Amino acid sequence: MPMMVKIGGVPVDVEDPCALYAALAAAKAKRLAGEQVEETEIRSPVMHQRLKVASSSIADIDKELVRLQAACQAKTTGCRPSRRWTFRY
């Protein structure tokens, strides 16, 4: 039985790296557009402060997207992605 989670309001199967990649890429796009950022403002006679809070960092999302892209490629083609540089001896 597939285990479902909600990412960006869309139910996604945790076992499918391609579906997770698509859902997480959409969530990242929303985050970059500023939709998933909460902003709070604190005012007093002495100071004025504005806070922006996000649920996760873009760097963490990027790391997970790279991992899911490799897993999706391995699932669909049967091959792992090659290294960026070849080793020379």
Protein backbone atom coordinates (compact mmCIF):
# COMPACT_ATOMS: atom_id res chain seq x y z
CA MET A 1 0.00 0.00 0.00
CA PRO A 2 1.51 3.37 -0.99
CA MET A 3 2.33 5.83 1.75
CA MET A 4 0.93 9.25 0.82
CA VAL A 5 2.08 12.68 2.05
CA LYS A 6 0.88 16.15 1.12
CA ILE A 7 3.37 18.50 -0.51
CA GLY A 8 1.94 21.83 -1.51
CA GLY A 9 -1.57 20.51 -0.94
CA VAL A 10 -1.10 17.63 -3.40
CA PRO A 11 -1.05 14.01 -2.15
CA VAL A 12 2.17 12.30 -3.32
CA ASP A 13 3.37 8.69 -2.98
CA VAL A 14 6.57 8.59 -0.90
CA GLU A 15 7.80 5.53 -2.81
CA ASP A 16 7.79 7.35 -6.18
CA PRO A 17 10.87 9.63 -6.51
CA CYS A 18 9.62 11.13 -9.79
CA ALA A 19 6.32 12.26 -8.24
CA LEU A 20 8.17 13.59 -5.19
CA TYR A 21 10.56 15.51 -7.44
CA ALA A 22 7.70 17.14 -9.36
CA ALA A 23 5.81 18.08 -6.19
CA LEU A 24 8.92 19.44 -4.47
CA ALA A 25 9.91 21.47 -7.55
CA ALA A 26 6.43 23.03 -7.54
CA ALA A 27 6.74 23.78 -3.82
CA LYS A 28 10.14 25.40 -4.43
CA ALA A 29 8.63 27.60 -7.16
CA LYS A 30 5.91 28.72 -4.76
CA ARG A 31 8.54 29.41 -2.11
CA LEU A 32 10.63 31.48 -4.53
CA ALA A 33 7.51 33.44 -5.45
CA GLY A 34 7.04 34.25 -1.76
CA GLU A 35 3.83 32.29 -1.22
CA GLN A 36 5.11 30.13 1.63
CA VAL A 37 6.82 32.90 3.57
CA GLU A 38 5.07 34.28 6.63
CA GLU A 39 5.72 37.89 7.55
CA THR A 40 5.13 39.37 10.98
CA GLU A 41 5.51 42.95 12.05
CA ILE A 42 6.21 44.15 15.59
CA ARG A 43 5.65 47.81 16.39
CA SER A 44 6.26 49.69 19.58
CA PRO A 45 6.99 53.33 20.42
CA VAL A 46 10.68 52.45 20.60
CA MET A 47 11.19 50.12 17.63
CA HIS A 48 9.74 48.72 14.45
CA GLN A 49 10.70 45.18 13.43
CA ARG A 50 9.60 42.96 10.54
CA LEU A 51 10.23 39.19 10.60
CA LYS A 52 10.06 36.79 7.66
CA VAL A 53 9.77 33.11 8.52
CA ALA A 54 9.93 30.22 6.05
CA SER A 55 9.33 26.53 6.67
CA SER A 56 12.58 25.30 5.06
CA SER A 57 15.67 26.70 3.42
CA ILE A 58 16.16 26.81 -0.33
CA ALA A 59 19.52 25.01 0.07
CA ASP A 60 17.79 22.06 1.79
CA ILE A 61 15.18 21.92 -0.95
CA ASP A 62 17.90 22.00 -3.63
CA LYS A 63 19.80 19.12 -2.00
CA GLU A 64 16.65 17.01 -1.87
CA LEU A 65 15.78 17.86 -5.48
CA VAL A 66 19.22 16.65 -6.64
CA ARG A 67 18.81 13.41 -4.69
CA LEU A 68 15.28 12.83 -6.03
CA GLN A 69 16.33 13.61 -9.60
CA ALA A 70 19.07 10.95 -9.39
CA ALA A 71 16.63 8.44 -7.88
CA CYS A 72 14.04 9.18 -10.56
CA GLN A 73 16.63 8.77 -13.31
CA ALA A 74 17.78 5.47 -11.80
CA LYS A 75 14.15 4.30 -11.64
CA THR A 76 13.22 5.26 -15.20
CA THR A 77 16.45 4.41 -17.07
CA GLY A 78 18.05 1.91 -14.71
CA CYS A 79 21.28 3.96 -14.66
CA ARG A 80 22.71 6.26 -12.06
CA PRO A 81 23.70 9.74 -13.24
CA SER A 82 27.37 9.95 -14.11
CA ARG A 83 29.84 12.02 -12.17
CA ARG A 84 30.44 15.52 -13.30
CA TRP A 85 34.13 14.93 -13.93
CA THR A 86 35.81 11.74 -14.96
CA PHE A 87 38.69 10.47 -12.89
CA ARG A 88 42.04 10.51 -14.65
CA TYR A 89 44.97 8.54 -13.34
